[in-house]
């Protein structure tokens, strides 16, 4: 049986409606809105829960968020530029901006590069009084996207001189966009709590008051080739400097694409096999995952170099090769893989397993992955993701009717490929034990997905 691929255009929630629905007056029974307004707001609430609930895809998009498209355009291209820098140069830049990585960046065969930071928004409770995260994140950014304070502070830094100050906005833009995305998740949690008749989602976010941000570069085949050429050039320089035997250094052909590695081989238009993925199938285990709409970059086949023979990132933004985001969901009830399509300036919100558990199944996390475009070896994908999580000490108690979610999924599908996908994903019951804290649950989940804890698939 063939898995049917279908384009999913998720429900689009306008930011202005999000603000109204999450305001204290809208959440209270004493709202002064007219009957017509109340009917309209209730209709929107219903559509939100339909999109995020058991019968929906487990995600929606948020549109019309003010002043964020510029931040997206500033931040996302830096993911590829950071990925192709020499390790020592990149390490210094990340240190300057308080970022780290949860993938082995020295691995030349990696298919993603991820740059992460723990986002602590304090005080997040300002949101409850109407003050937004936008008000807390104002920076002195000029028309070129350059932070003037950082520009003066880091002006004499050789790393920033080498890169033409293109990274001097990295840390502040990362935080500014991240805090805005945290606000979206917080407000959406409040709306869902209002429908569920509880406060567990909102309280769990307020208790944590933090999230994890990841700036992710999904490598093109060309990027992998460039990394290997760069490493080969470095080895040659060391060989010549130390006058060592050439036999010690193994040459990497310039046209090598590592075709034996299934993660960077050619793929189909709508891939469903495990070897055609940038990011393997998994569930997110937090409350909400907020994603920018991805940016696609087209790179020149002929690389450019600076004066020190470092690769220069000569990529330009392009449209998606097939018009969608390459984020795909698995719908086992219909034997379909759904590929998500959204506007470039929208955000995507996905339900995580913690929200699934706290809501007693009224919100439903979705199995998803990221596929690769077919026949476009010079196309890379850039994205910024914020994982909103409860406090590490928050106890996770899954209701009994929720425990057999994975068994139900397997029984609904008779497609061999879908069965194989489901078998690769560790079941919720194998990862969540009674009385576990979120910290223990996340540690066990990471262990079962990735073994040694590395974000091997760009998750």
Protein backbone atom coordinates (compact mmCIF):
# COMPACT_ATOMS: atom_id res chain seq x y z
CA UNK A 1 0.00 0.00 0.00
CA UNK A 2 1.28 3.46 -0.90
CA UNK A 3 1.14 6.28 1.63
CA UNK A 4 -0.88 9.17 0.23
CA UNK A 5 0.75 12.59 0.51
CA UNK A 6 -1.56 15.53 1.11
CA UNK A 7 -0.91 19.25 1.59
CA UNK A 8 -2.16 20.58 4.93
CA UNK A 9 -2.95 24.27 5.27
CA UNK A 10 -3.41 24.59 9.03
CA UNK A 11 -5.99 26.79 10.71
CA UNK A 12 -4.63 30.36 10.75
CA UNK A 13 -5.21 32.22 14.01
CA UNK A 14 -4.80 35.98 13.68
CA UNK A 15 -2.60 37.61 16.31
CA UNK A 16 -5.24 40.22 17.13
CA UNK A 17 -7.73 37.43 17.94
CA UNK A 18 -5.08 35.70 20.03
CA UNK A 19 -4.64 38.88 22.09
CA UNK A 20 -8.39 39.32 22.60
CA UNK A 21 -9.04 35.68 23.48
CA UNK A 22 -6.16 35.55 25.96
CA UNK A 23 -7.04 38.79 27.71
CA UNK A 24 -8.36 38.48 31.29
CA UNK A 25 -11.70 40.02 30.30
CA UNK A 26 -12.25 37.51 27.50
CA UNK A 27 -11.39 34.60 29.77
CA UNK A 28 -13.82 35.72 32.48
CA UNK A 29 -17.56 35.11 32.48
CA UNK A 30 -18.21 38.82 33.09
CA UNK A 31 -17.01 39.91 29.68
CA UNK A 32 -18.71 43.06 28.37
CA UNK A 33 -18.55 41.88 24.74
CA UNK A 34 -21.72 41.87 22.72
CA UNK A 35 -23.54 38.65 21.96
CA UNK A 36 -22.31 38.76 18.38
CA UNK A 37 -18.71 39.25 19.51
CA UNK A 38 -19.02 36.39 22.00
CA UNK A 39 -20.33 34.08 19.30
CA UNK A 40 -17.43 35.00 17.06
CA UNK A 41 -14.87 34.48 19.84
CA UNK A 42 -16.42 31.14 20.78
CA UNK A 43 -16.23 30.09 17.14
CA UNK A 44 -12.51 30.91 17.07
CA UNK A 45 -11.95 29.01 20.32
CA UNK A 46 -13.69 26.02 18.80
CA UNK A 47 -11.49 26.13 15.71
CA UNK A 48 -8.36 26.36 17.89
CA UNK A 49 -9.35 23.29 19.89
CA UNK A 50 -10.37 21.45 16.73
CA UNK A 51 -6.94 22.10 15.22
CA UNK A 52 -5.02 21.15 18.37
CA UNK A 53 -7.31 18.37 19.59
CA UNK A 54 -7.47 14.61 18.93
CA UNK A 55 -9.34 14.98 15.63
CA UNK A 56 -7.05 17.71 14.28
CA UNK A 57 -3.47 17.84 13.03
CA UNK A 58 -2.10 18.98 16.40
CA UNK A 59 -0.90 22.30 15.05
CA UNK A 60 -2.05 25.67 13.81
CA UNK A 61 -0.46 28.81 12.42
CA UNK A 62 -0.47 32.32 13.87
CA UNK A 63 -0.54 35.19 11.40
CA UNK A 64 -0.30 38.97 11.62
CA UNK A 65 2.28 39.13 14.43
CA UNK A 66 3.68 42.68 14.22
CA UNK A 67 7.31 43.55 13.55
CA UNK A 68 8.66 40.00 13.45
CA UNK A 69 9.30 39.40 9.77
CA UNK A 70 12.34 41.67 9.88
CA UNK A 71 13.69 39.73 12.88
CA UNK A 72 13.15 36.47 11.00
CA UNK A 73 14.99 37.76 7.95
CA UNK A 74 17.90 38.93 10.11
CA UNK A 75 18.26 35.78 12.18
CA UNK A 76 17.57 32.80 9.92
CA UNK A 77 20.37 33.37 7.35
CA UNK A 78 22.89 33.37 10.21
CA UNK A 79 22.21 29.65 10.76
CA UNK A 80 23.94 28.62 7.54
CA UNK A 81 26.73 31.16 7.95
CA UNK A 82 27.52 29.83 11.42
CA UNK A 83 27.41 26.24 10.19
CA UNK A 84 30.11 26.77 7.55
CA UNK A 85 32.54 28.76 9.70
CA UNK A 86 35.76 27.19 10.97
CA UNK A 87 35.13 25.54 14.33
CA UNK A 88 37.32 27.95 16.32
CA UNK A 89 35.76 31.06 14.76
CA UNK A 90 32.22 29.77 15.28
CA UNK A 91 32.97 28.77 18.88
CA UNK A 92 34.10 32.29 19.72
CA UNK A 93 31.02 33.87 18.14
CA UNK A 94 28.69 31.50 20.01
CA UNK A 95 30.50 32.24 23.26
CA UNK A 96 30.23 35.99 22.70
CA UNK A 97 26.45 35.67 22.38
CA UNK A 98 25.77 33.04 25.04
CA UNK A 99 24.83 30.26 22.61
CA UNK A 100 25.83 26.63 22.46
CA UNK A 101 24.99 23.61 20.35
CA UNK A 102 23.30 20.27 20.93
CA UNK A 103 24.77 18.53 17.88
CA UNK A 104 28.39 17.46 17.32
CA UNK A 105 29.52 20.31 15.06
CA UNK A 106 32.82 18.62 14.25
CA UNK A 107 30.92 15.81 12.53
CA UNK A 108 31.34 16.49 8.81
CA UNK A 109 28.45 14.17 7.93
CA UNK A 110 25.91 16.01 10.05
CA UNK A 111 22.69 16.93 8.25
CA UNK A 112 21.77 19.72 10.67
CA UNK A 113 23.61 22.34 12.68
CA UNK A 114 21.78 23.64 15.73
CA UNK A 115 22.62 26.67 17.87
CA UNK A 116 20.76 26.73 21.15
CA UNK A 117 20.14 28.97 24.13
CA UNK A 118 18.05 28.73 27.26
CA UNK A 119 15.54 31.60 27.21
CA UNK A 120 14.54 32.89 30.63
CA UNK A 121 11.80 35.51 30.42
CA UNK A 122 11.46 37.39 33.67
CA UNK A 123 8.96 38.40 34.71
CA UNK A 124 6.69 36.47 32.36
CA UNK A 125 3.73 37.36 34.58
CA UNK A 126 3.83 40.84 33.02
CA UNK A 127 1.86 39.23 30.21
CA UNK A 128 -1.07 38.71 32.56
CA UNK A 129 -1.40 42.48 33.03
CA UNK A 130 -1.41 43.21 29.31
CA UNK A 131 2.26 43.99 28.83
CA UNK A 132 3.65 41.92 26.00
CA UNK A 133 7.02 40.35 25.42
CA UNK A 134 7.51 42.84 22.60
CA UNK A 135 7.66 45.63 25.19
CA UNK A 136 10.44 43.84 27.08
CA UNK A 137 12.71 43.26 24.11
CA UNK A 138 13.41 46.68 22.63
CA UNK A 139 16.95 47.07 21.31
CA UNK A 140 18.75 49.91 19.63
CA UNK A 141 18.78 48.36 16.15
CA UNK A 142 19.68 50.56 13.20
CA UNK A 143 18.27 50.32 9.68
CA UNK A 144 20.97 47.76 8.78
CA UNK A 145 19.89 45.43 11.59
CA UNK A 146 23.01 46.28 13.61
CA UNK A 147 22.84 46.69 17.37
CA UNK A 148 24.69 49.93 18.09
CA UNK A 149 25.70 49.02 21.66
CA UNK A 150 27.13 45.69 20.56
CA UNK A 151 28.73 47.31 17.54
CA UNK A 152 30.75 49.62 19.81
CA UNK A 153 31.49 46.88 22.35
CA UNK A 154 32.70 44.30 19.85
CA UNK A 155 34.13 46.64 17.24
CA UNK A 156 37.74 45.68 18.01
CA UNK A 157 37.00 41.95 18.12
CA UNK A 158 38.88 40.20 15.32
CA UNK A 159 36.12 37.63 14.84
CA UNK A 160 33.56 40.32 14.14
CA UNK A 161 36.01 42.16 11.89
CA UNK A 162 36.49 38.96 9.91
CA UNK A 163 32.75 38.51 9.48
CA UNK A 164 32.00 42.18 8.77
CA UNK A 165 29.91 42.51 11.93
CA UNK A 166 27.19 40.30 10.47
CA UNK A 167 26.97 38.36 13.74
CA UNK A 168 26.83 41.31 16.14
CA UNK A 169 23.02 41.11 16.27
CA UNK A 170 22.94 37.34 16.78
CA UNK A 171 22.32 37.15 20.53
CA UNK A 172 19.86 40.01 20.80
CA UNK A 173 17.85 39.01 17.74
CA UNK A 174 17.77 35.41 19.00
CA UNK A 175 16.32 36.57 22.32
CA UNK A 176 13.97 39.16 20.90
CA UNK A 177 12.34 36.75 18.48
CA UNK A 178 12.43 33.96 21.07
CA UNK A 179 10.63 36.02 23.71
CA UNK A 180 7.96 37.03 21.22
CA UNK A 181 7.39 33.37 20.34
CA UNK A 182 7.19 32.49 24.04
CA UNK A 183 4.41 35.04 24.36
CA UNK A 184 2.44 33.33 21.58
CA UNK A 185 2.68 30.00 23.37
CA UNK A 186 1.72 31.49 26.71
CA UNK A 187 -1.37 33.19 25.32
CA UNK A 188 -2.43 30.08 23.44
CA UNK A 189 -2.07 28.02 26.64
CA UNK A 190 -4.40 30.43 28.44
CA UNK A 191 -7.02 30.09 25.70
CA UNK A 192 -6.83 26.28 25.81
CA UNK A 193 -7.07 26.29 29.62
CA UNK A 194 -10.20 28.39 29.39
CA UNK A 195 -11.85 25.75 27.20
CA UNK A 196 -10.55 22.84 29.28
CA UNK A 197 -11.69 24.56 32.51
CA UNK A 198 -8.35 24.49 34.24
CA UNK A 199 -5.08 26.38 34.59
CA UNK A 200 -2.52 23.61 34.33
CA UNK A 201 -1.02 24.69 31.01
CA UNK A 202 -0.74 28.34 32.00
CA UNK A 203 0.54 27.54 35.48
CA UNK A 204 3.14 25.11 34.17
CA UNK A 205 4.50 27.81 31.84
CA UNK A 206 4.50 30.47 34.56
CA UNK A 207 6.24 28.07 36.93
CA UNK A 208 8.98 27.43 34.38
CA UNK A 209 9.12 30.95 32.90
CA UNK A 210 11.63 29.61 30.37
CA UNK A 211 12.03 27.90 27.03
CA UNK A 212 14.74 26.53 24.79
CA UNK A 213 15.48 28.30 21.53
CA UNK A 214 17.19 26.62 18.59
CA UNK A 215 18.44 28.25 15.40
CA UNK A 216 18.69 25.34 12.96
CA UNK A 217 20.41 24.97 9.61
CA UNK A 218 19.29 21.95 7.57
CA UNK A 219 22.27 21.24 5.34
CA UNK A 220 22.05 20.97 1.60
CA UNK A 221 24.18 18.29 -0.06
CA UNK A 222 26.39 21.13 -1.24
CA UNK A 223 26.91 22.32 2.35
CA UNK A 224 28.16 18.88 3.34
CA UNK A 225 30.54 18.92 0.40
CA UNK A 226 31.85 22.36 1.38
CA UNK A 227 32.47 21.29 4.95
CA UNK A 228 34.51 18.33 3.76
CA UNK A 229 36.51 20.44 1.32
CA UNK A 230 37.23 22.92 4.08
CA UNK A 231 38.40 20.16 6.42
CA UNK A 232 40.55 18.71 3.64
CA UNK A 233 42.18 22.08 3.00
CA UNK A 234 42.93 22.43 6.71
CA UNK A 235 44.53 19.00 6.82
CA UNK A 236 46.66 19.86 3.79
CA UNK A 237 47.89 23.04 5.50
CA UNK A 238 48.84 21.07 8.59
CA UNK A 239 50.56 18.45 6.47
CA UNK A 240 52.64 21.04 4.64
CA UNK A 241 53.50 22.94 7.80
CA UNK A 242 54.68 19.84 9.63
CA UNK A 243 56.17 18.19 6.53
CA UNK A 244 54.34 14.99 7.26
CA UNK A 245 53.85 12.09 4.89
CA UNK A 246 50.90 12.55 2.49
CA UNK A 247 49.78 9.00 3.23
CA UNK A 248 48.69 10.08 6.69
CA UNK A 249 46.02 12.35 5.22
CA UNK A 250 43.11 10.82 3.38
CA UNK A 251 42.00 12.95 0.45
CA UNK A 252 38.32 13.84 0.14
CA UNK A 253 37.33 14.25 -3.52
CA UNK A 254 35.72 17.62 -4.21
CA UNK A 255 32.70 16.02 -5.88
CA UNK A 256 32.09 13.46 -3.15
CA UNK A 257 28.51 13.62 -1.86
CA UNK A 258 28.71 10.62 0.47
CA UNK A 259 26.08 8.72 -1.47
CA UNK A 260 26.44 5.79 0.92
CA UNK A 261 25.05 7.93 3.69
CA UNK A 262 21.24 7.74 3.37
CA UNK A 263 20.77 11.02 5.19
CA UNK A 264 22.33 13.08 2.39
CA UNK A 265 21.38 11.07 -0.66
CA UNK A 266 18.85 12.10 -3.32
CA UNK A 267 15.19 12.02 -2.32
CA UNK A 268 11.72 11.94 -3.78
CA UNK A 269 9.33 14.89 -4.05
CA UNK A 270 7.29 13.73 -1.03
CA UNK A 271 9.60 11.35 0.83
CA UNK A 272 8.29 8.96 3.43
CA UNK A 273 11.21 6.56 3.93
CA UNK A 274 13.66 6.99 6.79
CA UNK A 275 16.59 7.77 4.48
CA UNK A 276 14.88 10.78 2.93
CA UNK A 277 14.63 12.91 6.04
CA UNK A 278 16.44 15.90 7.44
CA UNK A 279 14.76 15.15 10.76
CA UNK A 280 13.54 11.72 11.82
CA UNK A 281 10.01 10.95 13.03
CA UNK A 282 9.34 11.97 16.63
CA UNK A 283 6.99 13.62 19.10
CA UNK A 284 7.96 16.88 20.81
CA UNK A 285 7.80 16.36 24.57
CA UNK A 286 7.25 19.91 25.87
CA UNK A 287 4.06 21.99 26.04
CA UNK A 288 4.17 23.86 22.74
CA UNK A 289 6.74 24.07 19.98
CA UNK A 290 6.70 27.42 18.19
CA UNK A 291 8.40 27.59 14.79
CA UNK A 292 9.03 30.36 12.32
CA UNK A 293 8.03 29.57 8.79
CA UNK A 294 11.26 28.15 7.34
CA UNK A 295 13.54 30.08 5.02
CA UNK A 296 15.12 28.36 2.02
CA UNK A 297 18.53 29.41 0.73
CA UNK A 298 20.01 28.67 -2.67
CA UNK A 299 23.82 28.39 -2.71
CA UNK A 300 26.23 28.82 -5.58
CA UNK A 301 27.89 25.61 -6.66
CA UNK A 302 31.19 27.53 -6.88
CA UNK A 303 32.13 28.60 -3.34
CA UNK A 304 33.76 31.93 -2.56
CA UNK A 305 36.62 32.47 -0.15
CA UNK A 306 37.81 35.39 1.96
CA UNK A 307 41.41 36.56 2.35
CA UNK A 308 42.10 33.82 4.89
CA UNK A 309 40.67 31.09 2.64
CA UNK A 310 37.56 30.68 4.81
CA UNK A 311 34.39 29.76 2.95
CA UNK A 312 32.06 32.70 2.41
CA UNK A 313 28.35 32.01 2.69
CA UNK A 314 27.16 33.07 -0.77
CA UNK A 315 23.54 31.94 -0.47
CA UNK A 316 20.42 33.89 -1.40
CA UNK A 317 16.87 33.42 -0.21
CA UNK A 318 14.61 31.48 -2.56
CA UNK A 319 11.10 30.08 -2.50
CA UNK A 320 10.37 26.57 -1.31
CA UNK A 321 11.11 24.10 -4.15
CA UNK A 322 7.62 22.61 -3.89
CA UNK A 323 5.76 25.42 -2.16
CA UNK A 324 5.51 23.90 1.32
CA UNK A 325 7.56 23.84 4.53
CA UNK A 326 8.75 20.19 4.31
CA UNK A 327 7.37 19.68 7.80
CA UNK A 328 5.30 16.52 7.55
CA UNK A 329 2.82 14.89 9.93
CA UNK A 330 1.67 11.31 10.14
CA UNK A 331 -2.09 10.69 10.20
CA UNK A 332 -2.39 6.97 10.91
CA UNK A 333 -6.19 7.04 10.93
CA UNK A 334 -6.26 7.85 7.21
CA UNK A 335 -2.90 6.37 6.11
CA UNK A 336 -1.78 9.83 4.99
CA UNK A 337 1.35 11.89 5.38
CA UNK A 338 0.40 15.57 5.62
CA UNK A 339 2.93 18.16 4.41
CA UNK A 340 2.41 21.57 6.05
CA UNK A 341 2.05 24.70 3.94
CA UNK A 342 2.00 28.16 5.56
CA UNK A 343 2.65 31.80 4.71
CA UNK A 344 6.25 32.98 5.02
CA UNK A 345 5.42 35.49 7.76
CA UNK A 346 3.41 33.11 9.96
CA UNK A 347 4.38 31.02 12.96
CA UNK A 348 3.57 27.34 13.40
CA UNK A 349 2.50 26.04 16.81
CA UNK A 350 2.68 22.31 17.55
CA UNK A 351 1.32 20.48 20.58
CA UNK A 352 3.90 18.68 22.70
CA UNK A 353 3.40 15.60 24.84
CA UNK A 354 3.37 17.60 28.09
CA UNK A 355 0.36 19.59 26.87
CA UNK A 356 -1.23 16.32 25.73
CA UNK A 357 -0.83 14.94 29.24
CA UNK A 358 -1.81 18.07 31.19
CA UNK A 359 -4.95 18.49 29.07
CA UNK A 360 -5.91 14.82 29.56
CA UNK A 361 -5.87 14.27 25.82
CA UNK A 362 -7.94 17.31 24.85
CA UNK A 363 -4.81 18.54 23.08
CA UNK A 364 -2.96 15.93 21.04
CA UNK A 365 0.71 15.81 20.13
CA UNK A 366 1.48 14.76 16.57
CA UNK A 367 4.16 12.51 15.13
CA UNK A 368 6.19 14.55 12.66
CA UNK A 369 9.44 14.81 10.72
CA UNK A 370 11.17 17.08 8.20
CA UNK A 371 11.73 15.78 4.67
CA UNK A 372 14.26 16.87 2.06
CA UNK A 373 13.56 18.31 -1.40
CA UNK A 374 14.23 16.08 -4.37
CA UNK A 375 16.93 17.04 -6.84
CA UNK A 376 18.00 20.32 -5.21
CA UNK A 377 21.48 19.70 -3.85
CA UNK A 378 22.12 23.43 -3.33
CA UNK A 379 18.93 24.18 -1.32
CA UNK A 380 19.18 24.45 2.46
CA UNK A 381 16.47 25.10 5.05
CA UNK A 382 16.76 27.56 7.94
CA UNK A 383 14.43 27.70 10.92
CA UNK A 384 14.13 29.11 14.42
CA UNK A 385 12.29 27.00 16.98
CA UNK A 386 11.25 27.69 20.57
CA UNK A 387 10.36 24.75 22.81
CA UNK A 388 8.09 25.87 25.65
CA UNK A 389 8.48 23.48 28.56
CA UNK A 390 7.13 23.09 32.08
CA UNK A 391 9.44 23.36 35.07
CA UNK A 392 11.82 20.42 35.43
CA UNK A 393 10.25 19.46 38.76
CA UNK A 394 6.69 19.40 37.42
CA UNK A 395 5.16 15.95 37.95
CA UNK A 396 3.83 14.23 34.82
CA UNK A 397 0.83 11.99 35.50
CA UNK A 398 -0.69 10.52 32.35
CA UNK A 399 -4.34 9.42 32.74
CA UNK A 400 -5.01 5.74 32.21
CA UNK A 401 -7.06 6.22 29.03
CA UNK A 402 -4.10 8.02 27.48
CA UNK A 403 -1.63 5.19 28.06
CA UNK A 404 -2.52 3.15 25.00
CA UNK A 405 -2.16 6.00 22.48
CA UNK A 406 0.62 4.22 20.60
CA UNK A 407 -1.18 0.89 20.54
CA UNK A 408 -4.26 2.59 19.13
CA UNK A 409 -2.16 4.22 16.43
CA UNK A 410 -0.66 0.90 15.37
CA UNK A 411 -4.05 -0.81 15.26
CA UNK A 412 -5.50 1.93 13.05
CA UNK A 413 -2.91 1.55 10.31
CA UNK A 414 -2.30 -1.45 8.09
CA UNK A 415 0.24 0.31 5.89
CA UNK A 416 3.65 -1.40 6.26
CA UNK A 417 5.59 1.85 5.95
CA UNK A 418 3.52 3.56 8.63
CA UNK A 419 3.88 0.52 10.85
CA UNK A 420 7.66 0.76 10.39
CA UNK A 421 7.61 4.46 11.31
CA UNK A 422 5.60 3.77 14.44
CA UNK A 423 7.99 1.03 15.49
CA UNK A 424 10.96 3.41 15.42
CA UNK A 425 9.30 5.85 17.82
CA UNK A 426 9.52 4.84 21.49
CA UNK A 427 6.07 4.56 23.03
CA UNK A 428 4.90 7.08 25.60
CA UNK A 429 4.42 4.37 28.23
CA UNK A 430 8.04 3.25 27.83
CA UNK A 431 9.23 6.80 28.55
CA UNK A 432 6.71 8.04 31.12
CA UNK A 433 6.40 6.27 34.46
CA UNK A 434 4.01 7.20 37.31
CA UNK A 435 5.31 10.08 39.41
CA UNK A 436 8.00 11.15 36.94
CA UNK A 437 8.98 14.80 36.84
CA UNK A 438 9.24 16.56 33.51
CA UNK A 439 13.02 16.59 33.89
CA UNK A 440 13.09 12.82 34.31
CA UNK A 441 10.65 12.36 31.43
CA UNK A 442 12.68 14.56 29.08
CA UNK A 443 15.91 12.76 30.02
CA UNK A 444 14.37 9.35 29.37
CA UNK A 445 12.80 10.54 26.11
CA UNK A 446 16.11 11.93 24.85
CA UNK A 447 17.86 8.73 25.83
CA UNK A 448 15.40 6.51 23.96
CA UNK A 449 15.37 8.70 20.84
CA UNK A 450 19.05 9.48 20.58
CA UNK A 451 20.94 7.18 22.91
CA UNK A 452 23.81 9.47 23.88
CA UNK A 453 21.69 12.62 24.13
CA UNK A 454 22.89 14.34 20.95
CA UNK A 455 20.26 15.95 18.74
CA UNK A 456 21.25 13.64 15.89
CA UNK A 457 18.32 14.41 13.68
CA UNK A 458 18.02 18.10 14.29
CA UNK A 459 15.13 17.81 16.68
